[in-house]
């Protein structure tokens, strides 16, 4: 400990609290503890080259994604591909970059040119590197504590986009020792729109870079270090799961880069078996690609139903990859990796929790075991449904504890290895359970996509100030005017059906015979905030499409369905 402390205190450290808005003290003690934690976590590695130390084959720079938000300010040193290319272009040796990473992530020191030069990096190279890169471009702007011991972090990325990360503290059943799991986001929002998931109601706002993903883990490690410094029970980081916002395989290259960084022996040095990538299974090809690119990384499949019709209801993107094709991809992944997938099964009362559903799920698991005799059999994670606004609109309810236990017992009776994931339910009070991650205010939604809100098509509106009753009335009035104008314009262009599909609100479906006045009443209700934000995003998307030169290629130009006659009564709007 004296050796570590000497290295830390001798390096002209900056504090961690600049821009870091959390209840942490951010001093050198936290860095010292963090360095000690990483020293235990990461075994000493030999000489590192640009590709040495990898447990996952490097794929080069991530492919550009049109939806990715531009980086604001300095680039992150955790963007491995960019940092390696930058060093190569400037003649720095692989050993120099090894020194940089070891200084930051093994010794817990600051990204400081004097510290790097003292550690062996050429002085000019150290100066240029510090001028080009930052240690971590992301910051935590809000922390929500759960009574169950978990924390949900609202993270502002270097691009200005917002995502949510969950830090889960739990104990091993065998030893009783505490440990942490970090649930990271791979996208801001999600395009898959599962009917029970709050994240899907946002739509896809932005793709995350490799650094954006890895920095979430780094911020979580800082929190863990502060806990240890405050005298809490030691609880090291043991697992990283790609189960936050977004569909990881829809951002394949960035996720693969993050896997490389997290498992690299000169960085976080997590075993690939400590990393889990979750997918809704919309692409069999990408499951196969993951098997061959990172065979040691665990795969989790969000199945939720073992029959195609029911699965298509719960997971609309299941239509892109039906169960037989998905099963073949899972079997190939198991043969390549030697490990069956973890099957995630969200239990919804009266929807997929019957005895027949348990038999179908057991049959699906047995078929996978039979097809891959050399691999470990699949494992089922049972997750009681966590209440969400989209789920409430669909009429979903959480099953009773007795119903969950009965379903679990039926699986075990059919020789299926299964576990009830009660830790997900423990995070409900912080909206940190599975399916509950969503940026819950219009301010946050705009910040999550700053490169759209600053343009001429921004839906932001300056409302009159004042804290009195007149100010509140004026704001409500202008909010209603804004919603009315957007709704009328959308009706003229796309009709009720697309509005219902995009917002996920059944009461706006043409079959419900909606009317503008009653629709506005629904959209302005406090519980309809998510539908209101999706309507604004839909209107904004339409406005941005109008700026395209090739208007014929824009989906908004297709023939819109006609709005219903204006004579419909207000009470014809029925919220199911």
Protein backbone atom coordinates (compact mmCIF):
# COMPACT_ATOMS: atom_id res chain seq x y z
CA UNK A 1 0.00 0.00 0.00
CA UNK A 2 2.84 2.42 0.74
CA UNK A 3 4.26 1.73 -2.70
CA UNK A 4 0.98 2.53 -4.42
CA UNK A 5 0.41 5.63 -2.29
CA UNK A 6 3.92 6.87 -3.08
CA UNK A 7 3.32 6.55 -6.80
CA UNK A 8 0.01 8.33 -6.55
CA UNK A 9 1.04 11.23 -4.34
CA UNK A 10 4.22 11.87 -6.28
CA UNK A 11 2.45 12.67 -9.51
CA UNK A 12 0.88 16.18 -9.26
CA UNK A 13 -2.66 14.89 -9.39
CA UNK A 14 -5.65 16.88 -10.40
CA UNK A 15 -8.92 16.33 -8.54
CA UNK A 16 -11.80 14.28 -9.87
CA UNK A 17 -14.58 16.69 -8.95
CA UNK A 18 -14.20 19.02 -11.91
CA UNK A 19 -17.49 18.57 -13.71
CA UNK A 20 -18.23 15.47 -11.62
CA UNK A 21 -21.59 16.01 -9.99
CA UNK A 22 -21.94 13.23 -7.48
CA UNK A 23 -21.60 12.87 -3.72
CA UNK A 24 -17.96 11.73 -4.07
CA UNK A 25 -15.04 13.66 -2.62
CA UNK A 26 -12.92 13.07 -5.74
CA UNK A 27 -9.56 13.48 -4.02
CA UNK A 28 -6.28 11.63 -4.41
CA UNK A 29 -7.41 9.00 -1.89
CA UNK A 30 -10.12 7.88 -4.30
CA UNK A 31 -7.55 7.55 -7.08
CA UNK A 32 -5.28 5.57 -4.79
CA UNK A 33 -8.04 3.12 -3.88
CA UNK A 34 -9.08 2.90 -7.54
CA UNK A 35 -5.52 2.13 -8.55
CA UNK A 36 -5.32 -0.58 -5.89
CA UNK A 37 -8.62 -2.09 -7.08
CA UNK A 38 -7.42 -2.17 -10.67
CA UNK A 39 -4.09 -3.55 -9.56
CA UNK A 40 -5.89 -6.49 -8.02
CA UNK A 41 -8.23 -6.80 -10.98
CA UNK A 42 -5.56 -6.65 -13.66
CA UNK A 43 -2.71 -9.19 -13.70
CA UNK A 44 0.70 -7.89 -14.64
CA UNK A 45 1.12 -8.07 -18.39
CA UNK A 46 4.21 -8.34 -20.48
CA UNK A 47 5.28 -5.89 -23.17
CA UNK A 48 2.28 -4.58 -25.05
CA UNK A 49 2.10 -3.80 -28.75
CA UNK A 50 -0.67 -2.20 -30.74
CA UNK A 51 -2.35 -5.62 -30.87
CA UNK A 52 -0.68 -7.36 -27.93
CA UNK A 53 -2.66 -8.11 -24.82
CA UNK A 54 -5.91 -8.48 -26.74
CA UNK A 55 -8.32 -11.23 -25.84
CA UNK A 56 -10.52 -10.15 -28.72
CA UNK A 57 -9.15 -9.62 -32.20
CA UNK A 58 -9.01 -5.86 -32.94
CA UNK A 59 -11.28 -4.76 -35.77
CA UNK A 60 -9.77 -1.33 -36.44
CA UNK A 61 -11.66 1.95 -36.15
CA UNK A 62 -15.42 1.56 -35.64
CA UNK A 63 -17.43 2.08 -38.79
CA UNK A 64 -19.18 5.43 -38.94
CA UNK A 65 -22.83 5.46 -37.99
CA UNK A 66 -24.98 8.24 -39.33
CA UNK A 67 -26.95 8.56 -36.10
CA UNK A 68 -23.87 8.97 -33.90
CA UNK A 69 -23.60 12.31 -32.17
CA UNK A 70 -20.42 14.32 -32.87
CA UNK A 71 -17.76 14.45 -30.18
CA UNK A 72 -17.55 17.70 -28.26
CA UNK A 73 -14.15 18.74 -26.89
CA UNK A 74 -11.17 16.42 -26.41
CA UNK A 75 -11.25 12.81 -27.58
CA UNK A 76 -11.29 10.08 -24.96
CA UNK A 77 -8.12 8.11 -24.34
CA UNK A 78 -10.42 5.10 -23.89
CA UNK A 79 -11.12 5.12 -27.63
CA UNK A 80 -8.44 2.49 -28.13
CA UNK A 81 -8.47 2.39 -31.92
CA UNK A 82 -8.21 6.17 -32.19
CA UNK A 83 -5.47 6.41 -29.54
CA UNK A 84 -3.43 3.63 -31.14
CA UNK A 85 -3.73 5.21 -34.59
CA UNK A 86 -2.80 8.62 -33.21
CA UNK A 87 0.34 7.23 -31.54
CA UNK A 88 1.36 5.32 -34.67
CA UNK A 89 0.95 8.41 -36.86
CA UNK A 90 3.25 10.38 -34.54
CA UNK A 91 5.94 7.75 -34.22
CA UNK A 92 5.25 6.82 -30.61
CA UNK A 93 6.10 3.25 -29.76
CA UNK A 94 3.55 0.72 -28.54
CA UNK A 95 5.40 0.68 -25.21
CA UNK A 96 4.66 4.38 -24.79
CA UNK A 97 0.92 3.85 -25.08
CA UNK A 98 1.30 0.92 -22.71
CA UNK A 99 2.81 3.36 -20.22
CA UNK A 100 -0.05 5.80 -20.68
CA UNK A 101 -2.69 3.17 -19.99
CA UNK A 102 -0.79 1.68 -17.08
CA UNK A 103 -0.36 5.14 -15.54
CA UNK A 104 -4.05 5.94 -15.82
CA UNK A 105 -5.80 2.66 -15.26
CA UNK A 106 -3.36 0.60 -13.19
CA UNK A 107 -1.78 3.26 -10.99
CA UNK A 108 -4.74 5.61 -10.81
CA UNK A 109 -2.73 8.71 -11.79
CA UNK A 110 -3.94 11.70 -13.79
CA UNK A 111 -3.52 12.30 -17.51
CA UNK A 112 -0.75 14.84 -16.98
CA UNK A 113 2.17 15.49 -19.36
CA UNK A 114 4.72 15.75 -16.53
CA UNK A 115 3.52 12.47 -15.01
CA UNK A 116 3.65 10.71 -18.39
CA UNK A 117 7.09 12.12 -19.20
CA UNK A 118 8.39 10.98 -15.83
CA UNK A 119 6.96 7.52 -16.54
CA UNK A 120 8.91 7.26 -19.81
CA UNK A 121 6.76 8.82 -22.54
CA UNK A 122 8.71 11.28 -24.76
CA UNK A 123 8.10 14.78 -23.45
CA UNK A 124 6.75 16.24 -26.69
CA UNK A 125 4.59 13.18 -27.27
CA UNK A 126 3.19 13.52 -23.75
CA UNK A 127 2.40 17.20 -24.30
CA UNK A 128 0.66 16.48 -27.63
CA UNK A 129 -1.28 13.57 -26.18
CA UNK A 130 -2.59 15.58 -23.23
CA UNK A 131 -3.60 18.35 -25.62
CA UNK A 132 -5.52 15.86 -27.81
CA UNK A 133 -7.10 13.42 -25.32
CA UNK A 134 -8.92 13.45 -22.02
CA UNK A 135 -8.98 10.68 -19.44
CA UNK A 136 -12.77 10.41 -19.49
CA UNK A 137 -15.09 12.62 -21.54
CA UNK A 138 -18.25 11.43 -19.78
CA UNK A 139 -19.56 12.55 -16.40
CA UNK A 140 -22.29 11.53 -14.00
CA UNK A 141 -24.96 14.21 -13.69
CA UNK A 142 -27.45 12.35 -11.49
CA UNK A 143 -27.48 9.29 -9.22
CA UNK A 144 -30.65 7.54 -8.09
CA UNK A 145 -30.21 5.20 -5.15
CA UNK A 146 -32.29 2.06 -4.78
CA UNK A 147 -33.28 0.60 -1.42
CA UNK A 148 -32.01 -2.73 -2.75
CA UNK A 149 -28.44 -1.41 -2.99
CA UNK A 150 -28.33 -0.55 -6.70
CA UNK A 151 -27.70 2.83 -8.27
CA UNK A 152 -28.89 4.26 -11.56
CA UNK A 153 -26.51 6.78 -13.08
CA UNK A 154 -27.54 9.43 -15.57
CA UNK A 155 -24.39 9.82 -17.66
CA UNK A 156 -23.63 12.72 -19.98
CA UNK A 157 -21.30 11.52 -22.73
CA UNK A 158 -18.60 13.51 -24.47
CA UNK A 159 -21.04 14.20 -27.31
CA UNK A 160 -23.54 15.68 -24.89
CA UNK A 161 -25.90 12.73 -25.29
CA UNK A 162 -27.45 11.24 -22.16
CA UNK A 163 -27.68 7.54 -21.30
CA UNK A 164 -28.41 5.56 -18.16
CA UNK A 165 -26.08 3.06 -16.50
CA UNK A 166 -26.96 0.78 -13.60
CA UNK A 167 -24.50 -0.27 -10.88
CA UNK A 168 -25.81 -3.36 -9.09
CA UNK A 169 -24.45 -4.49 -5.73
CA UNK A 170 -25.23 -8.07 -4.73
CA UNK A 171 -23.80 -10.95 -2.73
CA UNK A 172 -22.72 -14.39 -3.80
CA UNK A 173 -25.06 -17.07 -2.56
CA UNK A 174 -22.17 -19.38 -1.65
CA UNK A 175 -19.69 -17.10 0.14
CA UNK A 176 -21.89 -14.12 0.99
CA UNK A 177 -19.23 -11.73 -0.32
CA UNK A 178 -20.42 -8.53 -1.97
CA UNK A 179 -19.60 -7.72 -5.58
CA UNK A 180 -20.73 -5.35 -8.31
CA UNK A 181 -22.17 -5.74 -11.79
CA UNK A 182 -22.31 -2.80 -14.21
CA UNK A 183 -25.13 -2.69 -16.74
CA UNK A 184 -24.01 -0.45 -19.63
CA UNK A 185 -25.90 1.16 -22.49
CA UNK A 186 -24.79 0.67 -26.09
CA UNK A 187 -27.20 3.15 -27.68
CA UNK A 188 -29.11 6.25 -26.62
CA UNK A 189 -32.64 4.94 -26.92
CA UNK A 190 -33.54 1.85 -28.93
CA UNK A 191 -35.26 1.13 -32.24
CA UNK A 192 -36.61 -2.32 -31.32
CA UNK A 193 -39.65 -1.08 -29.38
CA UNK A 194 -40.44 -4.13 -27.30
CA UNK A 195 -43.98 -3.66 -25.98
CA UNK A 196 -42.95 -3.88 -22.31
CA UNK A 197 -39.81 -1.71 -22.50
CA UNK A 198 -39.64 1.99 -21.64
CA UNK A 199 -36.39 2.47 -23.58
CA UNK A 200 -38.06 1.38 -26.81
CA UNK A 201 -40.62 4.18 -26.45
CA UNK A 202 -37.77 6.68 -27.02
CA UNK A 203 -36.82 5.38 -30.43
CA UNK A 204 -33.15 5.38 -31.45
CA UNK A 205 -31.53 8.73 -30.64
CA UNK A 206 -27.82 7.99 -31.17
CA UNK A 207 -25.27 5.22 -31.50
CA UNK A 208 -22.52 5.16 -28.87
CA UNK A 209 -18.82 4.93 -29.63
CA UNK A 210 -16.51 2.40 -28.02
CA UNK A 211 -15.27 5.07 -25.62
CA UNK A 212 -18.83 6.06 -24.71
CA UNK A 213 -19.51 2.49 -23.59
CA UNK A 214 -16.23 1.89 -21.75
CA UNK A 215 -16.39 5.21 -19.92
CA UNK A 216 -19.59 4.07 -18.22
CA UNK A 217 -17.57 1.26 -16.62
CA UNK A 218 -14.80 3.69 -15.62
CA UNK A 219 -17.32 5.98 -13.90
CA UNK A 220 -18.81 2.98 -12.07
CA UNK A 221 -15.32 2.01 -10.88
CA UNK A 222 -14.87 5.49 -9.46
CA UNK A 223 -18.03 5.07 -7.43
CA UNK A 224 -16.87 1.67 -6.18
CA UNK A 225 -13.53 3.22 -5.16
CA UNK A 226 -15.32 5.96 -3.22
CA UNK A 227 -17.43 3.34 -1.43
CA UNK A 228 -14.25 1.55 -0.32
CA UNK A 229 -12.70 4.85 0.76
CA UNK A 230 -15.77 5.61 2.89
CA UNK A 231 -15.23 2.39 4.81
CA UNK A 232 -17.89 0.28 3.12
CA UNK A 233 -17.65 -3.46 2.65
CA UNK A 234 -15.27 -4.23 -0.25
CA UNK A 235 -17.29 -5.13 -3.34
CA UNK A 236 -15.10 -5.33 -6.46
CA UNK A 237 -16.41 -5.19 -10.00
CA UNK A 238 -16.97 -8.72 -11.27
CA UNK A 239 -19.24 -8.46 -14.30
CA UNK A 240 -20.16 -6.08 -17.10
CA UNK A 241 -23.43 -6.73 -18.93
CA UNK A 242 -24.56 -5.01 -22.13
CA UNK A 243 -28.17 -4.87 -20.98
CA UNK A 244 -28.78 -1.13 -20.63
CA UNK A 245 -30.26 1.14 -23.26
CA UNK A 246 -30.21 -0.11 -26.83
CA UNK A 247 -29.73 -3.30 -28.81
CA UNK A 248 -25.98 -4.09 -28.63
CA UNK A 249 -25.85 -6.01 -31.91
CA UNK A 250 -27.31 -2.98 -33.71
CA UNK A 251 -24.07 -1.19 -32.73
CA UNK A 252 -21.84 -4.18 -33.38
CA UNK A 253 -18.46 -2.58 -34.08
CA UNK A 254 -18.57 -0.24 -31.08
CA UNK A 255 -19.64 -3.07 -28.77
CA UNK A 256 -16.83 -5.28 -30.09
CA UNK A 257 -14.37 -2.45 -29.45
CA UNK A 258 -15.70 -2.09 -25.91
CA UNK A 259 -15.26 -5.83 -25.33
CA UNK A 260 -11.68 -5.50 -26.49
CA UNK A 261 -11.00 -2.60 -24.11
CA UNK A 262 -12.66 -4.20 -21.10
CA UNK A 263 -10.80 -7.48 -21.55
CA UNK A 264 -7.42 -6.00 -22.55
CA UNK A 265 -4.67 -7.02 -20.13
CA UNK A 266 -3.24 -3.49 -20.04
CA UNK A 267 -6.56 -1.88 -19.20
CA UNK A 268 -9.46 -3.34 -17.21
CA UNK A 269 -8.35 -6.93 -17.79
CA UNK A 270 -11.75 -8.46 -17.18
CA UNK A 271 -12.05 -12.03 -18.34
CA UNK A 272 -14.28 -12.34 -21.42
CA UNK A 273 -16.39 -14.73 -19.34
CA UNK A 274 -17.16 -11.75 -17.10
CA UNK A 275 -18.75 -9.92 -20.05
CA UNK A 276 -22.28 -10.63 -21.30
CA UNK A 277 -23.86 -9.26 -24.46
CA UNK A 278 -27.66 -9.29 -24.53
CA UNK A 279 -29.74 -9.25 -27.72
CA UNK A 280 -33.39 -9.48 -28.72
CA UNK A 281 -32.27 -11.82 -31.49
CA UNK A 282 -33.32 -9.71 -34.46
CA UNK A 283 -30.26 -10.76 -36.49
CA UNK A 284 -29.05 -14.36 -36.71
CA UNK A 285 -26.04 -13.23 -38.76
CA UNK A 286 -24.80 -10.90 -36.01
CA UNK A 287 -25.13 -13.63 -33.40
CA UNK A 288 -22.90 -15.80 -35.59
CA UNK A 289 -20.46 -12.91 -36.08
CA UNK A 290 -20.25 -12.41 -32.32
CA UNK A 291 -19.55 -16.11 -31.84
CA UNK A 292 -16.52 -16.00 -34.14
CA UNK A 293 -15.28 -12.52 -33.14
CA UNK A 294 -15.56 -12.98 -29.35
CA UNK A 295 -16.27 -16.64 -28.60
CA UNK A 296 -15.45 -16.38 -24.89
CA UNK A 297 -17.95 -13.59 -24.26
CA UNK A 298 -21.25 -14.80 -22.89
CA UNK A 299 -24.45 -14.37 -24.90
CA UNK A 300 -27.85 -13.56 -23.42
CA UNK A 301 -31.01 -13.82 -25.51
CA UNK A 302 -34.15 -11.86 -24.64
CA UNK A 303 -36.58 -14.62 -25.59
CA UNK A 304 -39.68 -13.85 -23.47
CA UNK A 305 -41.79 -16.41 -25.35
CA UNK A 306 -40.96 -19.80 -26.85
CA UNK A 307 -43.59 -19.62 -29.61
CA UNK A 308 -43.29 -17.32 -32.61
CA UNK A 309 -46.79 -15.73 -32.47
CA UNK A 310 -46.51 -14.72 -28.81
CA UNK A 311 -42.91 -13.60 -29.19
CA UNK A 312 -43.87 -11.37 -32.12
CA UNK A 313 -46.41 -9.65 -29.87
CA UNK A 314 -43.90 -8.98 -27.08
CA UNK A 315 -40.88 -8.33 -29.32
CA UNK A 316 -42.04 -6.84 -32.66
CA UNK A 317 -38.56 -7.20 -34.20
CA UNK A 318 -38.92 -10.99 -33.80
CA UNK A 319 -40.55 -10.91 -37.23
CA UNK A 320 -37.10 -10.17 -38.70
CA UNK A 321 -35.68 -13.44 -37.35
CA UNK A 322 -38.19 -16.18 -36.56
CA UNK A 323 -37.56 -18.81 -33.93
CA UNK A 324 -36.19 -21.62 -36.20
CA UNK A 325 -33.57 -19.28 -37.70
CA UNK A 326 -32.79 -17.82 -34.29
CA UNK A 327 -32.40 -21.31 -32.81
CA UNK A 328 -29.89 -22.26 -35.54
CA UNK A 329 -27.82 -19.15 -34.73
CA UNK A 330 -27.88 -19.95 -31.01
CA UNK A 331 -26.74 -23.50 -31.73
CA UNK A 332 -23.82 -22.26 -33.85
CA UNK A 333 -22.84 -19.79 -31.13
CA UNK A 334 -22.89 -22.60 -28.55
CA UNK A 335 -20.77 -24.89 -30.73
CA UNK A 336 -18.18 -22.15 -31.33
CA UNK A 337 -18.08 -20.81 -27.77
CA UNK A 338 -18.72 -24.06 -25.92
CA UNK A 339 -21.33 -22.26 -23.80
CA UNK A 340 -25.08 -22.18 -24.23
CA UNK A 341 -26.87 -18.85 -24.17
CA UNK A 342 -28.45 -17.33 -21.11
CA UNK A 343 -32.18 -17.17 -21.89
CA UNK A 344 -33.83 -14.05 -20.49
CA UNK A 345 -37.53 -14.55 -19.90
CA UNK A 346 -39.66 -11.66 -18.66
CA UNK A 347 -42.69 -13.02 -16.82
CA UNK A 348 -45.89 -11.05 -17.50
CA UNK A 349 -49.06 -12.02 -15.66
CA UNK A 350 -51.59 -13.76 -17.89
CA UNK A 351 -49.40 -13.32 -20.96
CA UNK A 352 -46.49 -15.78 -20.86
CA UNK A 353 -46.55 -17.34 -17.37
CA UNK A 354 -48.86 -20.34 -17.83
CA UNK A 355 -47.96 -24.01 -17.44
CA UNK A 356 -48.09 -24.36 -21.22
CA UNK A 357 -45.62 -21.50 -21.59
CA UNK A 358 -43.27 -23.25 -19.15
CA UNK A 359 -43.49 -26.47 -21.19
CA UNK A 360 -42.76 -24.58 -24.44
CA UNK A 361 -39.74 -22.88 -22.84
CA UNK A 362 -38.44 -26.21 -21.48
CA UNK A 363 -38.82 -27.80 -24.92
CA UNK A 364 -36.88 -24.91 -26.51
CA UNK A 365 -34.03 -25.35 -24.02
CA UNK A 366 -33.95 -29.14 -24.45
CA UNK A 367 -33.74 -28.72 -28.24
CA UNK A 368 -30.71 -26.45 -27.83
CA UNK A 369 -29.05 -28.95 -25.48
CA UNK A 370 -29.67 -31.79 -27.93
CA UNK A 371 -28.30 -29.79 -30.89
CA UNK A 372 -25.07 -28.87 -29.06
CA UNK A 373 -24.05 -31.83 -26.89
CA UNK A 374 -20.49 -30.54 -26.43
CA UNK A 375 -21.55 -27.18 -24.98
CA UNK A 376 -22.88 -26.27 -21.57
CA UNK A 377 -26.70 -26.22 -21.69
CA UNK A 378 -28.63 -22.93 -21.82
CA UNK A 379 -29.51 -21.23 -18.57
CA UNK A 380 -32.83 -19.43 -17.96
CA UNK A 381 -33.07 -16.11 -16.11
CA UNK A 382 -36.64 -15.47 -14.99
CA UNK A 383 -37.32 -11.74 -14.60
CA UNK A 384 -40.63 -10.59 -13.07
CA UNK A 385 -42.07 -7.80 -15.22
CA UNK A 386 -41.06 -4.33 -14.02
CA UNK A 387 -43.88 -1.78 -14.49
CA UNK A 388 -43.41 0.69 -17.36
CA UNK A 389 -45.70 3.17 -19.08
CA UNK A 390 -45.67 1.29 -22.43
CA UNK A 391 -46.41 -1.93 -20.56
CA UNK A 392 -49.28 -0.27 -18.71
CA UNK A 393 -50.80 0.86 -22.01
CA UNK A 394 -50.56 -2.74 -23.23
CA UNK A 395 -52.30 -3.95 -20.08
CA UNK A 396 -49.28 -5.79 -18.64
CA UNK A 397 -49.03 -6.65 -14.94
CA UNK A 398 -46.35 -8.11 -12.68
CA UNK A 399 -47.13 -11.71 -11.67
CA UNK A 400 -47.35 -12.58 -8.00
CA UNK A 401 -44.32 -14.03 -6.26
CA UNK A 402 -46.21 -17.32 -6.01
CA UNK A 403 -46.82 -17.41 -9.77
CA UNK A 404 -43.14 -16.70 -10.44
CA UNK A 405 -42.08 -19.47 -8.05
CA UNK A 406 -44.53 -21.91 -9.67
CA UNK A 407 -43.18 -21.18 -13.16
CA UNK A 408 -39.63 -21.64 -11.86
CA UNK A 409 -40.55 -24.95 -10.23
CA UNK A 410 -42.06 -26.20 -13.49
CA UNK A 411 -38.84 -25.47 -15.35
CA UNK A 412 -36.75 -27.22 -12.71
CA UNK A 413 -39.11 -30.20 -12.81
CA UNK A 414 -38.43 -30.39 -16.55
CA UNK A 415 -34.63 -30.45 -15.94
CA UNK A 416 -34.04 -26.85 -17.01
CA UNK A 417 -31.47 -24.87 -15.05
CA UNK A 418 -33.25 -21.63 -14.10
CA UNK A 419 -32.93 -18.78 -11.61
CA UNK A 420 -35.35 -16.05 -10.56
CA UNK A 421 -33.59 -12.72 -10.98
CA UNK A 422 -35.00 -10.90 -7.95
CA UNK A 423 -32.19 -8.32 -8.16
CA UNK A 424 -33.97 -6.72 -11.12
CA UNK A 425 -37.10 -6.19 -9.04
CA UNK A 426 -34.96 -4.63 -6.30
CA UNK A 427 -34.16 -1.70 -8.60
CA UNK A 428 -37.77 -0.76 -9.38
CA UNK A 429 -37.90 2.06 -6.84
CA UNK A 430 -35.12 3.83 -8.78
CA UNK A 431 -36.59 2.90 -12.19
CA UNK A 432 -33.45 0.86 -12.70
CA UNK A 433 -35.00 -2.57 -13.31
CA UNK A 434 -34.95 -4.40 -16.63
CA UNK A 435 -36.96 -2.46 -19.20
CA UNK A 436 -37.24 0.71 -17.08
CA UNK A 437 -34.33 2.75 -18.44
CA UNK A 438 -35.72 5.86 -20.13
CA UNK A 439 -34.81 9.54 -20.12
CA UNK A 440 -37.88 10.77 -18.37
CA UNK A 441 -38.12 14.48 -19.21
CA UNK A 442 -38.25 16.52 -22.38
CA UNK A 443 -35.15 18.41 -21.24
CA UNK A 444 -33.22 15.16 -20.99
CA UNK A 445 -34.54 13.93 -24.33
CA UNK A 446 -33.33 17.09 -26.05
CA UNK A 447 -29.93 16.78 -24.35
CA UNK A 448 -29.71 13.17 -25.49
CA UNK A 449 -29.78 14.38 -29.09
CA UNK A 450 -28.13 17.83 -28.96
CA UNK A 451 -27.11 17.82 -32.62
CA UNK A 452 -30.80 17.89 -33.55
CA UNK A 453 -32.16 20.36 -31.00
CA UNK A 454 -29.78 23.11 -32.03
CA UNK A 455 -31.06 23.23 -35.64
CA UNK A 456 -33.88 25.12 -37.28
CA UNK A 457 -36.21 22.15 -36.80
CA UNK A 458 -35.87 22.19 -33.02
CA UNK A 459 -39.08 21.63 -31.11
CA UNK A 460 -37.76 23.64 -28.16
CA UNK A 461 -40.01 26.55 -27.30
CA UNK A 462 -39.30 29.55 -25.08
CA UNK A 463 -42.08 29.68 -22.51
CA UNK A 464 -42.82 32.69 -20.29
CA UNK A 465 -41.11 32.71 -16.95
CA UNK A 466 -42.43 33.37 -13.52
CA UNK A 467 -43.33 31.05 -10.73
CA UNK A 468 -46.83 32.40 -10.17
CA UNK A 469 -50.14 31.04 -11.34
CA UNK A 470 -50.20 33.25 -14.46
CA UNK A 471 -46.80 31.91 -15.54
CA UNK A 472 -47.90 28.31 -15.07
CA UNK A 473 -51.13 28.93 -16.98
CA UNK A 474 -49.22 30.56 -19.83
CA UNK A 475 -46.80 27.65 -20.05
CA UNK A 476 -49.64 25.14 -20.10
CA UNK A 477 -51.42 27.14 -22.80
CA UNK A 478 -48.35 27.37 -25.03
CA UNK A 479 -47.60 23.68 -24.48
CA UNK A 480 -51.11 22.89 -25.68
CA UNK A 481 -50.70 25.13 -28.73
CA UNK A 482 -47.43 23.44 -29.60
CA UNK A 483 -48.88 19.94 -29.27
CA UNK A 484 -51.97 20.90 -31.26
CA UNK A 485 -49.91 22.33 -34.12
CA UNK A 486 -47.63 19.29 -34.25
CA UNK A 487 -50.53 16.84 -34.10
CA UNK A 488 -52.49 18.60 -36.86
CA UNK A 489 -49.43 18.71 -39.13
CA UNK A 490 -48.67 15.04 -38.51
CA UNK A 491 -52.28 14.06 -39.21
CA UNK A 492 -52.17 15.89 -42.52
CA UNK A 493 -48.95 14.14 -43.53
CA UNK A 494 -49.06 10.63 -42.07
CA UNK A 495 -52.43 9.99 -40.40
CA UNK A 496 -53.52 8.38 -37.14
CA UNK A 497 -52.08 4.93 -37.86
CA UNK A 498 -48.45 6.03 -38.05
CA UNK A 499 -48.89 8.29 -35.03
CA UNK A 500 -50.24 5.33 -33.05
CA UNK A 501 -47.43 3.07 -34.27
CA UNK A 502 -44.69 5.58 -33.45
CA UNK A 503 -45.98 6.55 -30.01
CA UNK A 504 -47.14 3.05 -29.08
CA UNK A 505 -50.44 4.46 -27.75
CA UNK A 506 -53.32 2.19 -28.61
CA UNK A 507 -55.84 4.92 -27.90
CA UNK A 508 -54.53 6.80 -30.97
CA UNK A 509 -55.14 3.87 -33.29
CA UNK A 510 -57.81 4.54 -35.95
CA UNK A 511 -59.86 1.65 -34.58
CA UNK A 512 -60.22 3.59 -31.31
CA UNK A 513 -61.79 6.45 -33.31
CA UNK A 514 -59.57 9.20 -31.88
CA UNK A 515 -60.31 12.91 -32.20
CA UNK A 516 -57.85 15.81 -32.05
CA UNK A 517 -59.40 17.28 -28.92
CA UNK A 518 -59.49 14.00 -27.03
CA UNK A 519 -56.01 13.04 -28.31
CA UNK A 520 -54.63 16.30 -26.92
CA UNK A 521 -56.32 15.56 -23.60
CA UNK A 522 -54.51 12.20 -23.50
CA UNK A 523 -51.14 13.60 -24.60
CA UNK A 524 -51.21 16.37 -21.98
CA UNK A 525 -51.99 13.99 -19.12
CA UNK A 526 -49.09 13.57 -16.60
CA UNK A 527 -48.85 9.83 -17.26
CA UNK A 528 -48.49 10.34 -21.03
CA UNK A 529 -45.15 12.15 -20.97
CA UNK A 530 -43.38 9.38 -22.91
CA UNK A 531 -46.04 9.44 -25.69
CA UNK A 532 -45.81 13.23 -25.85
CA UNK A 533 -42.03 13.06 -26.27
CA UNK A 534 -42.35 10.44 -29.01
CA UNK A 535 -44.85 12.68 -30.83
CA UNK A 536 -42.37 15.56 -30.67
CA UNK A 537 -39.59 13.30 -31.95
CA UNK A 538 -41.82 12.11 -34.80
CA UNK A 539 -42.63 15.69 -35.79
CA UNK A 540 -38.95 16.63 -35.62
CA UNK A 541 -38.01 13.64 -37.78
CA UNK A 542 -40.57 14.77 -40.35
CA UNK A 543 -39.16 18.29 -40.37
CA UNK A 544 -35.62 17.02 -40.81
CA UNK A 545 -36.81 14.78 -43.66
CA UNK A 546 -38.22 17.87 -45.39
CA UNK A 547 -34.70 19.28 -45.65
CA UNK A 548 -33.49 16.30 -47.69
CA UNK A 549 -32.88 16.95 -51.36
CA UNK A 550 -34.25 13.59 -52.47
CA UNK A 551 -37.77 13.97 -51.12
CA UNK A 552 -38.92 10.86 -53.01
CA UNK A 553 -36.67 8.73 -50.82
CA UNK A 554 -38.20 10.01 -47.59
CA UNK A 555 -40.81 7.73 -46.01
CA UNK A 556 -42.93 10.76 -45.12
CA UNK A 557 -43.82 11.20 -48.80
CA UNK A 558 -45.87 8.04 -49.00
CA UNK A 559 -49.64 8.43 -49.09
CA UNK A 560 -50.99 9.15 -45.63
CA UNK A 561 -54.12 7.60 -44.27
CA UNK A 562 -57.04 10.03 -44.02
CA UNK A 563 -57.86 11.42 -40.59
CA UNK A 564 -61.27 10.54 -39.16
CA UNK A 565 -64.18 12.96 -39.61
CA UNK A 566 -64.22 15.90 -37.23
CA UNK A 567 -67.69 14.99 -35.98
CA UNK A 568 -66.40 12.19 -33.73
CA UNK A 569 -67.19 12.71 -30.07
CA UNK A 570 -64.54 13.44 -27.49
CA UNK A 571 -65.53 10.43 -25.39
CA UNK A 572 -64.80 8.10 -28.33
CA UNK A 573 -61.17 8.06 -27.19
CA UNK A 574 -60.74 4.98 -25.02
CA UNK A 575 -57.45 4.26 -23.24
CA UNK A 576 -57.12 0.48 -23.11
